[in-house]
Amino acid sequence: MRPFLPGIIWMVVAVRLTLTKTELVKVHTKDNPSVSCQKSVTLHCNVSSEENVTIDDLFWSRNHNKRLCAVGNITLHTENTKLQTKNLTTQQHRFVCNYNQTSQLSLSLSLTLQNAQPFDKGTYTCKLFSNRGIKETTADLEFQGSECYKDANESSNDTHRTCTFTGVYPDGEVHWFQGSNNLTGSAQTNTKQVETDGALTVTSSLKREKGTYNCSLWIPSTGVYLASRVTPVLLTFESRSQLGNGGVVTFGPVWKLFWVFFLCHFIFSLV
């Protein structure tokens, strides 16, 4: 067994040298971040080295799948006097990537998520390939809340009232009310469209009648109303005929008073 001892010794030495070489470069992120609906959050991947290092590839990915942003061919050297800062293009919707060299032997690769949705939560990984070895670190993004929407809009024409909710997650429905009466079953159109980021645009229309109506966004999975809009009162033909320019009301009885005054004036002029 003795002839194998030198080989084992060299293997142990090589492993220890590799570990020492790798420890010269450190990759870390800050505390696990959290984000609210439709807000922005930035993940920072900080790289530092004790010696000169050549970085072949540095990137952010989600759940170890598709890359969200990346940078490469970077040399951190003690003789570098000019630090670099630049924005990196990314093909992923709602993500902005930025590279910033903070010192001669350190840098930061930040990933900003815009208009956050609940399905954006999960594990984000920053991975480094360099001549000092392979390193990675992770950040677990938490979402505050379980449902989300971006905007609510109401419109109307001569025949219908329409309510539209955008950026809806998870699946939602539009419920119609007039006072305490639930008129959802009377809705004539209900549509849902998937947006580019996976959220929904939910639209519903109701035949226009007199009175004030309320349209609310209902989330079946959580059993809550997330948002609501009040549609304006529909003016009747009679009330519209009484509105002049600028909303000034013209009363019919005024004309009657005018003719009475004119008749009295005519009679007194004859006396």
C-alpha atoms as a PDB file:
ATOM      1  CA  MET A   1       0.000   0.000   0.000  1.00  0.00           C
ATOM      2  CA  ARG A   2       3.004   2.302   0.482  1.00  0.00           C
ATOM      3  CA  PRO A   3       3.428   3.133  -3.252  1.00  0.00           C
ATOM      4  CA  PHE A   4      -0.005   4.766  -3.165  1.00  0.00           C
ATOM      5  CA  LEU A   5       0.880   7.131  -0.316  1.00  0.00           C
ATOM      6  CA  PRO A   6       2.686   9.757  -2.461  1.00  0.00           C
ATOM      7  CA  GLY A   7      -0.317   9.914  -4.820  1.00  0.00           C
ATOM      8  CA  ILE A   8      -2.720  10.361  -1.949  1.00  0.00           C
ATOM      9  CA  ILE A   9      -0.540  13.067  -0.426  1.00  0.00           C
ATOM     10  CA  TRP A  10      -0.384  15.001  -3.714  1.00  0.00           C
ATOM     11  CA  MET A  11      -4.167  14.707  -4.119  1.00  0.00           C
ATOM     12  CA  VAL A  12      -4.745  16.130  -0.646  1.00  0.00           C
ATOM     13  CA  VAL A  13      -2.333  18.982  -1.344  1.00  0.00           C
ATOM     14  CA  ALA A  14      -4.037  19.744  -4.678  1.00  0.00           C
ATOM     15  CA  VAL A  15      -7.480  19.853  -3.057  1.00  0.00           C
ATOM     16  CA  ARG A  16      -6.239  22.164  -0.313  1.00  0.00           C
ATOM     17  CA  LEU A  17      -4.590  24.453  -2.864  1.00  0.00           C
ATOM     18  CA  THR A  18      -7.804  24.552  -4.872  1.00  0.00           C
ATOM     19  CA  LEU A  19      -9.854  25.425  -1.796  1.00  0.00           C
ATOM     20  CA  THR A  20      -7.361  28.122  -0.815  1.00  0.00           C
ATOM     21  CA  LYS A  21      -7.424  29.506  -4.337  1.00  0.00           C
ATOM     22  CA  THR A  22     -11.224  29.604  -4.353  1.00  0.00           C
ATOM     23  CA  GLU A  23     -11.428  31.304  -0.964  1.00  0.00           C
ATOM     24  CA  LEU A  24      -9.492  34.245  -2.394  1.00  0.00           C
ATOM     25  CA  VAL A  25     -12.740  35.263  -4.141  1.00  0.00           C
ATOM     26  CA  LYS A  26     -15.937  35.884  -2.185  1.00  0.00           C
ATOM     27  CA  VAL A  27     -19.478  36.252  -3.555  1.00  0.00           C
ATOM     28  CA  HIS A  28     -22.311  37.335  -1.300  1.00  0.00           C
ATOM     29  CA  THR A  29     -25.697  39.053  -1.261  1.00  0.00           C
ATOM     30  CA  LYS A  30     -27.466  41.122   1.367  1.00  0.00           C
ATOM     31  CA  ASP A  31     -30.288  39.894   3.579  1.00  0.00           C
ATOM     32  CA  ASN A  32     -33.206  38.215   1.826  1.00  0.00           C
ATOM     33  CA  PRO A  33     -35.355  41.046   0.417  1.00  0.00           C
ATOM     34  CA  SER A  34     -39.140  41.444   0.324  1.00  0.00           C
ATOM     35  CA  VAL A  35     -41.373  43.393  -2.057  1.00  0.00           C
ATOM     36  CA  SER A  36     -44.988  44.561  -2.256  1.00  0.00           C
ATOM     37  CA  CYS A  37     -47.397  44.466  -5.174  1.00  0.00           C
ATOM     38  CA  GLN A  38     -46.313  46.542  -8.189  1.00  0.00           C
ATOM     39  CA  LYS A  39     -43.244  47.851  -6.352  1.00  0.00           C
ATOM     40  CA  SER A  40     -39.570  47.505  -7.341  1.00  0.00           C
ATOM     41  CA  VAL A  41     -36.809  45.614  -5.564  1.00  0.00           C
ATOM     42  CA  THR A  42     -33.068  45.319  -6.262  1.00  0.00           C
ATOM     43  CA  LEU A  43     -30.887  42.261  -5.597  1.00  0.00           C
ATOM     44  CA  HIS A  44     -27.161  42.934  -5.147  1.00  0.00           C
ATOM     45  CA  CYS A  45     -24.433  40.391  -5.909  1.00  0.00           C
ATOM     46  CA  ASN A  46     -21.128  41.589  -4.466  1.00  0.00           C
ATOM     47  CA  VAL A  47     -17.817  40.069  -5.578  1.00  0.00           C
ATOM     48  CA  SER A  48     -14.519  40.725  -3.798  1.00  0.00           C
ATOM     49  CA  SER A  49     -11.057  39.258  -4.190  1.00  0.00           C
ATOM     50  CA  GLU A  50      -7.811  39.316  -2.238  1.00  0.00           C
ATOM     51  CA  GLU A  51      -5.713  38.973  -5.384  1.00  0.00           C
ATOM     52  CA  ASN A  52      -6.023  39.749  -9.070  1.00  0.00           C
ATOM     53  CA  VAL A  53      -8.808  37.750 -10.660  1.00  0.00           C
ATOM     54  CA  THR A  54     -10.198  37.216 -14.162  1.00  0.00           C
ATOM     55  CA  ILE A  55     -13.963  36.784 -14.317  1.00  0.00           C
ATOM     56  CA  ASP A  56     -15.158  34.764 -17.291  1.00  0.00           C
ATOM     57  CA  ASP A  57     -18.856  34.824 -16.427  1.00  0.00           C
ATOM     58  CA  LEU A  58     -21.042  36.390 -13.723  1.00  0.00           C
ATOM     59  CA  PHE A  59     -24.816  36.184 -13.902  1.00  0.00           C
ATOM     60  CA  TRP A  60     -28.152  36.236 -12.075  1.00  0.00           C
ATOM     61  CA  SER A  61     -30.681  33.455 -12.629  1.00  0.00           C
ATOM     62  CA  ARG A  62     -33.950  32.426 -11.048  1.00  0.00           C
ATOM     63  CA  ASN A  63     -34.464  28.946  -9.618  1.00  0.00           C
ATOM     64  CA  HIS A  64     -31.258  27.890 -11.449  1.00  0.00           C
ATOM     65  CA  ASN A  65     -33.003  28.237 -14.813  1.00  0.00           C
ATOM     66  CA  LYS A  66     -33.001  31.076 -17.335  1.00  0.00           C
ATOM     67  CA  ARG A  67     -30.419  33.844 -16.981  1.00  0.00           C
ATOM     68  CA  LEU A  68     -31.804  37.252 -16.079  1.00  0.00           C
ATOM     69  CA  CYS A  69     -28.624  39.277 -16.663  1.00  0.00           C
ATOM     70  CA  ALA A  70     -24.926  38.549 -17.139  1.00  0.00           C
ATOM     71  CA  VAL A  71     -21.504  40.130 -17.529  1.00  0.00           C
ATOM     72  CA  GLY A  72     -18.121  38.628 -18.437  1.00  0.00           C
ATOM     73  CA  ASN A  73     -14.534  39.174 -19.541  1.00  0.00           C
ATOM     74  CA  ILE A  74     -13.710  41.313 -16.502  1.00  0.00           C
ATOM     75  CA  THR A  75     -10.308  41.584 -14.853  1.00  0.00           C
ATOM     76  CA  LEU A  76      -9.973  42.881 -11.320  1.00  0.00           C
ATOM     77  CA  HIS A  77      -6.393  44.027 -10.921  1.00  0.00           C
ATOM     78  CA  THR A  78      -4.561  46.098  -8.345  1.00  0.00           C
ATOM     79  CA  GLU A  79      -3.080  48.228 -11.120  1.00  0.00           C
ATOM     80  CA  ASN A  80      -6.465  49.190 -12.582  1.00  0.00           C
ATOM     81  CA  THR A  81      -7.085  52.851 -11.883  1.00  0.00           C
ATOM     82  CA  LYS A  82     -10.308  53.362 -13.841  1.00  0.00           C
ATOM     83  CA  LEU A  83     -13.449  51.852 -12.332  1.00  0.00           C
ATOM     84  CA  GLN A  84     -16.335  50.876 -14.616  1.00  0.00           C
ATOM     85  CA  THR A  85     -20.062  51.401 -14.213  1.00  0.00           C
ATOM     86  CA  LYS A  86     -22.563  50.453 -16.922  1.00  0.00           C
ATOM     87  CA  ASN A  87     -26.104  49.291 -17.529  1.00  0.00           C
ATOM     88  CA  LEU A  88     -26.463  45.875 -19.140  1.00  0.00           C
ATOM     89  CA  THR A  89     -29.243  45.003 -21.540  1.00  0.00           C
ATOM     90  CA  THR A  90     -31.519  42.117 -20.630  1.00  0.00           C
ATOM     91  CA  GLN A  91     -34.157  40.314 -22.666  1.00  0.00           C
ATOM     92  CA  GLN A  92     -36.263  39.541 -19.596  1.00  0.00           C
ATOM     93  CA  HIS A  93     -39.368  41.675 -19.150  1.00  0.00           C
ATOM     94  CA  ARG A  94     -39.416  43.955 -16.072  1.00  0.00           C
ATOM     95  CA  PHE A  95     -35.754  43.298 -15.169  1.00  0.00           C
ATOM     96  CA  VAL A  96     -32.983  45.907 -15.223  1.00  0.00           C
ATOM     97  CA  CYS A  97     -29.336  44.893 -14.804  1.00  0.00           C
ATOM     98  CA  ASN A  98     -26.479  47.131 -13.662  1.00  0.00           C
ATOM     99  CA  TYR A  99     -22.737  46.458 -13.270  1.00  0.00           C
ATOM    100  CA  ASN A 100     -20.667  48.612 -10.935  1.00  0.00           C
ATOM    101  CA  GLN A 101     -16.982  48.174 -10.101  1.00  0.00           C
ATOM    102  CA  THR A 102     -16.767  49.469  -6.543  1.00  0.00           C
ATOM    103  CA  SER A 103     -12.981  49.195  -6.151  1.00  0.00           C
ATOM    104  CA  GLN A 104      -9.923  47.706  -7.869  1.00  0.00           C
ATOM    105  CA  LEU A 105     -10.697  44.227  -6.490  1.00  0.00           C
ATOM    106  CA  SER A 106     -14.466  44.325  -5.989  1.00  0.00           C
ATOM    107  CA  LEU A 107     -17.636  44.771  -8.023  1.00  0.00           C
ATOM    108  CA  SER A 108     -21.413  44.555  -7.778  1.00  0.00           C
ATOM    109  CA  LEU A 109     -23.919  43.089 -10.242  1.00  0.00           C
ATOM    110  CA  SER A 110     -27.405  44.310  -9.351  1.00  0.00           C
ATOM    111  CA  LEU A 111     -30.720  42.996 -10.628  1.00  0.00           C
ATOM    112  CA  THR A 112     -33.808  45.234 -10.320  1.00  0.00           C
ATOM    113  CA  LEU A 113     -37.279  43.739 -10.623  1.00  0.00           C
ATOM    114  CA  GLN A 114     -40.007  46.215 -11.587  1.00  0.00           C
ATOM    115  CA  ASN A 115     -43.784  45.928 -11.020  1.00  0.00           C
ATOM    116  CA  ALA A 116     -43.436  42.874  -8.782  1.00  0.00           C
ATOM    117  CA  GLN A 117     -46.121  40.186  -8.771  1.00  0.00           C
ATOM    118  CA  PRO A 118     -46.663  37.327  -6.273  1.00  0.00           C
ATOM    119  CA  PHE A 119     -45.291  34.779  -8.757  1.00  0.00           C
ATOM    120  CA  ASP A 120     -41.938  36.619  -8.741  1.00  0.00           C
ATOM    121  CA  LYS A 121     -41.114  35.236  -5.305  1.00  0.00           C
ATOM    122  CA  GLY A 122     -38.522  32.469  -5.165  1.00  0.00           C
ATOM    123  CA  THR A 123     -34.798  31.810  -5.137  1.00  0.00           C
ATOM    124  CA  TYR A 124     -32.479  34.018  -7.209  1.00  0.00           C
ATOM    125  CA  THR A 125     -28.894  32.816  -7.745  1.00  0.00           C
ATOM    126  CA  CYS A 126     -25.758  34.808  -8.518  1.00  0.00           C
ATOM    127  CA  LYS A 127     -23.018  32.573  -9.987  1.00  0.00           C
ATOM    128  CA  LEU A 128     -19.385  33.353 -10.753  1.00  0.00           C
ATOM    129  CA  PHE A 129     -16.920  31.579 -13.071  1.00  0.00           C
ATOM    130  CA  SER A 130     -13.328  32.819 -12.758  1.00  0.00           C
ATOM    131  CA  ASN A 131      -9.726  31.670 -12.826  1.00  0.00           C
ATOM    132  CA  ARG A 132     -10.076  31.343  -9.047  1.00  0.00           C
ATOM    133  CA  GLY A 133     -12.880  28.812  -9.342  1.00  0.00           C
ATOM    134  CA  ILE A 134     -16.687  28.707  -9.282  1.00  0.00           C
ATOM    135  CA  LYS A 135     -18.691  30.481  -6.595  1.00  0.00           C
ATOM    136  CA  GLU A 136     -22.375  31.224  -6.099  1.00  0.00           C
ATOM    137  CA  THR A 137     -24.776  32.781  -3.633  1.00  0.00           C
ATOM    138  CA  THR A 138     -28.562  32.987  -3.401  1.00  0.00           C
ATOM    139  CA  ALA A 139     -31.266  35.424  -2.310  1.00  0.00           C
ATOM    140  CA  ASP A 140     -34.812  34.342  -1.435  1.00  0.00           C
ATOM    141  CA  LEU A 141     -37.280  37.010  -2.557  1.00  0.00           C
ATOM    142  CA  GLU A 142     -40.421  37.207  -0.417  1.00  0.00           C
ATOM    143  CA  PHE A 143     -43.696  38.790  -1.578  1.00  0.00           C
ATOM    144  CA  GLN A 144     -45.821  40.750   0.879  1.00  0.00           C
ATOM    145  CA  GLY A 145     -49.399  39.586   0.286  1.00  0.00           C
ATOM    146  CA  SER A 146     -50.999  36.879  -1.807  1.00  0.00           C
ATOM    147  CA  GLU A 147     -53.018  38.878  -4.336  1.00  0.00           C
ATOM    148  CA  CYS A 148     -52.264  41.851  -6.536  1.00  0.00           C
ATOM    149  CA  TYR A 149     -53.599  44.270  -9.147  1.00  0.00           C
ATOM    150  CA  LYS A 150     -52.096  47.226 -10.991  1.00  0.00           C
ATOM    151  CA  ASP A 151     -54.918  49.535 -12.049  1.00  0.00           C
ATOM    152  CA  ALA A 152     -58.716  49.880 -12.188  1.00  0.00           C
ATOM    153  CA  ASN A 153     -60.619  51.808 -14.860  1.00  0.00           C
ATOM    154  CA  GLU A 154     -64.282  52.560 -15.533  1.00  0.00           C
ATOM    155  CA  SER A 155     -65.818  53.697 -18.810  1.00  0.00           C
ATOM    156  CA  SER A 156     -69.315  54.018 -20.223  1.00  0.00           C
ATOM    157  CA  ASN A 157     -71.221  54.765 -23.386  1.00  0.00           C
ATOM    158  CA  ASP A 158     -74.897  55.130 -24.258  1.00  0.00           C
ATOM    159  CA  THR A 159     -75.625  51.444 -23.745  1.00  0.00           C
ATOM    160  CA  HIS A 160     -73.087  49.883 -21.346  1.00  0.00           C
ATOM    161  CA  ARG A 161     -70.869  50.456 -18.330  1.00  0.00           C
ATOM    162  CA  THR A 162     -67.466  48.724 -18.454  1.00  0.00           C
ATOM    163  CA  CYS A 163     -64.931  48.013 -15.715  1.00  0.00           C
ATOM    164  CA  THR A 164     -61.347  46.875 -16.409  1.00  0.00           C
ATOM    165  CA  PHE A 165     -58.751  45.687 -13.886  1.00  0.00           C
ATOM    166  CA  THR A 166     -55.137  45.198 -15.047  1.00  0.00           C
ATOM    167  CA  GLY A 167     -52.186  43.357 -13.507  1.00  0.00           C
ATOM    168  CA  VAL A 168     -54.506  40.950 -11.684  1.00  0.00           C
ATOM    169  CA  TYR A 169     -52.991  37.971  -9.853  1.00  0.00           C
ATOM    170  CA  PRO A 170     -54.161  35.345  -9.096  1.00  0.00           C
ATOM    171  CA  ASP A 171     -57.294  34.769 -11.205  1.00  0.00           C
ATOM    172  CA  GLY A 172     -60.036  37.331 -10.575  1.00  0.00           C
ATOM    173  CA  GLU A 173     -63.650  38.182 -11.465  1.00  0.00           C
ATOM    174  CA  VAL A 174     -65.649  41.404 -11.752  1.00  0.00           C
ATOM    175  CA  HIS A 175     -68.750  41.612  -9.522  1.00  0.00           C
ATOM    176  CA  TRP A 176     -71.444  44.252 -10.073  1.00  0.00           C
ATOM    177  CA  PHE A 177     -73.566  45.839  -7.333  1.00  0.00           C
ATOM    178  CA  GLN A 178     -76.264  48.467  -7.069  1.00  0.00           C
ATOM    179  CA  GLY A 179     -76.573  49.150  -3.387  1.00  0.00           C
ATOM    180  CA  SER A 180     -76.835  45.736  -1.739  1.00  0.00           C
ATOM    181  CA  ASN A 181     -78.142  44.049  -4.904  1.00  0.00           C
ATOM    182  CA  ASN A 182     -75.653  41.740  -6.616  1.00  0.00           C
ATOM    183  CA  LEU A 183     -76.090  42.140 -10.396  1.00  0.00           C
ATOM    184  CA  THR A 184     -73.088  40.067 -11.488  1.00  0.00           C
ATOM    185  CA  GLY A 185     -75.328  37.557 -13.238  1.00  0.00           C
ATOM    186  CA  SER A 186     -76.663  40.338 -15.487  1.00  0.00           C
ATOM    187  CA  ALA A 187     -73.257  41.175 -16.937  1.00  0.00           C
ATOM    188  CA  GLN A 188     -73.338  40.830 -20.729  1.00  0.00           C
ATOM    189  CA  THR A 189     -69.588  40.448 -21.409  1.00  0.00           C
ATOM    190  CA  ASN A 190     -66.761  39.020 -19.280  1.00  0.00           C
ATOM    191  CA  THR A 191     -63.257  38.682 -20.733  1.00  0.00           C
ATOM    192  CA  LYS A 192     -59.795  37.768 -19.430  1.00  0.00           C
ATOM    193  CA  GLN A 193     -56.521  38.370 -21.211  1.00  0.00           C
ATOM    194  CA  VAL A 194     -53.058  37.162 -20.161  1.00  0.00           C
ATOM    195  CA  GLU A 195     -50.492  39.969 -20.031  1.00  0.00           C
ATOM    196  CA  THR A 196     -46.823  39.601 -21.003  1.00  0.00           C
ATOM    197  CA  ASP A 197     -45.720  39.100 -17.391  1.00  0.00           C
ATOM    198  CA  GLY A 198     -48.326  36.411 -16.662  1.00  0.00           C
ATOM    199  CA  ALA A 199     -50.854  38.605 -14.862  1.00  0.00           C
ATOM    200  CA  LEU A 200     -54.424  39.100 -16.152  1.00  0.00           C
ATOM    201  CA  THR A 201     -56.539  41.906 -17.547  1.00  0.00           C
ATOM    202  CA  VAL A 202     -60.129  41.301 -16.423  1.00  0.00           C
ATOM    203  CA  THR A 203     -62.998  43.183 -18.108  1.00  0.00           C
ATOM    204  CA  SER A 204     -66.767  43.138 -17.597  1.00  0.00           C
ATOM    205  CA  SER A 205     -69.661  45.138 -19.079  1.00  0.00           C
ATOM    206  CA  LEU A 206     -73.172  45.733 -17.759  1.00  0.00           C
ATOM    207  CA  LYS A 207     -76.183  47.191 -19.552  1.00  0.00           C
ATOM    208  CA  ARG A 208     -76.475  50.822 -18.634  1.00  0.00           C
ATOM    209  CA  GLU A 209     -79.488  51.826 -16.558  1.00  0.00           C
ATOM    210  CA  LYS A 210     -80.320  54.721 -14.261  1.00  0.00           C
ATOM    211  CA  GLY A 211     -78.522  54.964 -10.926  1.00  0.00           C
ATOM    212  CA  THR A 212     -75.089  54.420  -9.410  1.00  0.00           C
ATOM    213  CA  TYR A 213     -73.314  51.071  -9.785  1.00  0.00           C
ATOM    214  CA  ASN A 214     -70.251  49.542  -8.178  1.00  0.00           C
ATOM    215  CA  CYS A 215     -67.866  47.107  -9.881  1.00  0.00           C
ATOM    216  CA  SER A 216     -65.475  45.166  -7.645  1.00  0.00           C
ATOM    217  CA  LEU A 217     -62.531  42.837  -8.294  1.00  0.00           C
ATOM    218  CA  TRP A 218     -63.139  39.487  -6.569  1.00  0.00           C
ATOM    219  CA  ILE A 219     -60.308  36.975  -5.988  1.00  0.00           C
ATOM    220  CA  PRO A 220     -61.962  33.519  -5.646  1.00  0.00           C
ATOM    221  CA  SER A 221     -58.871  31.729  -4.316  1.00  0.00           C
ATOM    222  CA  THR A 222     -58.542  34.041  -1.299  1.00  0.00           C
ATOM    223  CA  GLY A 223     -62.165  35.131  -0.960  1.00  0.00           C
ATOM    224  CA  VAL A 224     -61.474  38.881  -0.876  1.00  0.00           C
ATOM    225  CA  TYR A 225     -62.506  41.966  -2.828  1.00  0.00           C
ATOM    226  CA  LEU A 226     -59.257  43.589  -3.888  1.00  0.00           C
ATOM    227  CA  ALA A 227     -60.521  46.809  -5.487  1.00  0.00           C
ATOM    228  CA  SER A 228     -63.712  48.582  -6.552  1.00  0.00           C
ATOM    229  CA  ARG A 229     -64.913  51.418  -8.762  1.00  0.00           C
ATOM    230  CA  VAL A 230     -68.132  53.463  -8.640  1.00  0.00           C
ATOM    231  CA  THR A 231     -69.689  54.134 -12.042  1.00  0.00           C
ATOM    232  CA  PRO A 232     -71.351  57.552 -12.523  1.00  0.00           C
ATOM    233  CA  VAL A 233     -75.073  58.200 -12.333  1.00  0.00           C
ATOM    234  CA  LEU A 234     -76.843  57.931 -15.685  1.00  0.00           C
ATOM    235  CA  LEU A 235     -78.816  61.091 -16.518  1.00  0.00           C
ATOM    236  CA  THR A 236     -82.348  60.607 -17.825  1.00  0.00           C
ATOM    237  CA  PHE A 237     -83.579  62.358 -20.933  1.00  0.00           C
ATOM    238  CA  GLU A 238     -85.625  64.782 -18.835  1.00  0.00           C
ATOM    239  CA  SER A 239     -82.684  65.739 -16.600  1.00  0.00           C
ATOM    240  CA  ARG A 240     -80.385  66.146 -19.601  1.00  0.00           C
ATOM    241  CA  SER A 241     -82.848  68.541 -21.263  1.00  0.00           C
ATOM    242  CA  GLN A 242     -82.624  70.798 -18.227  1.00  0.00           C
ATOM    243  CA  LEU A 243     -78.832  71.145 -18.475  1.00  0.00           C
ATOM    244  CA  GLY A 244     -77.568  74.110 -20.443  1.00  0.00           C
ATOM    245  CA  ASN A 245     -73.983  75.061 -21.286  1.00  0.00           C
ATOM    246  CA  GLY A 246     -71.683  74.549 -18.323  1.00  0.00           C
ATOM    247  CA  GLY A 247     -74.298  72.559 -16.466  1.00  0.00           C
ATOM    248  CA  VAL A 248     -76.592  75.574 -15.831  1.00  0.00           C
ATOM    249  CA  VAL A 249     -80.187  74.516 -15.315  1.00  0.00           C
ATOM    250  CA  THR A 250     -82.879  76.363 -17.335  1.00  0.00           C
ATOM    251  CA  PHE A 251     -86.289  76.145 -15.729  1.00  0.00           C
ATOM    252  CA  GLY A 252     -89.464  76.040 -17.824  1.00  0.00           C
ATOM    253  CA  PRO A 253     -91.540  78.150 -15.356  1.00  0.00           C
ATOM    254  CA  VAL A 254     -89.249  81.158 -15.982  1.00  0.00           C
ATOM    255  CA  TRP A 255     -90.815  81.569 -19.419  1.00  0.00           C
ATOM    256  CA  LYS A 256     -94.285  81.585 -17.869  1.00  0.00           C
ATOM    257  CA  LEU A 257     -93.286  84.389 -15.484  1.00  0.00           C
ATOM    258  CA  PHE A 258     -91.926  86.340 -18.438  1.00  0.00           C
ATOM    259  CA  TRP A 259     -95.262  86.203 -20.300  1.00  0.00           C
ATOM    260  CA  VAL A 260     -97.218  87.179 -17.155  1.00  0.00           C
ATOM    261  CA  PHE A 261     -94.958  90.190 -16.675  1.00  0.00           C
ATOM    262  CA  PHE A 262     -95.317  91.157 -20.356  1.00  0.00           C
ATOM    263  CA  LEU A 263     -99.147  90.914 -20.199  1.00  0.00           C
ATOM    264  CA  CYS A 264     -99.326  93.037 -17.027  1.00  0.00           C
ATOM    265  CA  HIS A 265     -97.077  95.661 -18.559  1.00  0.00           C
ATOM    266  CA  PHE A 266     -99.281  95.806 -21.695  1.00  0.00           C
ATOM    267  CA  ILE A 267    -102.489  96.213 -19.653  1.00  0.00           C
ATOM    268  CA  PHE A 268    -101.064  99.033 -17.518  1.00  0.00           C
ATOM    269  CA  SER A 269     -99.826 100.814 -20.620  1.00  0.00           C
ATOM    270  CA  LEU A 270    -103.398 101.010 -21.921  1.00  0.00           C
ATOM    271  CA  VAL A 271    -104.763 102.571 -18.735  1.00  0.00           C
END
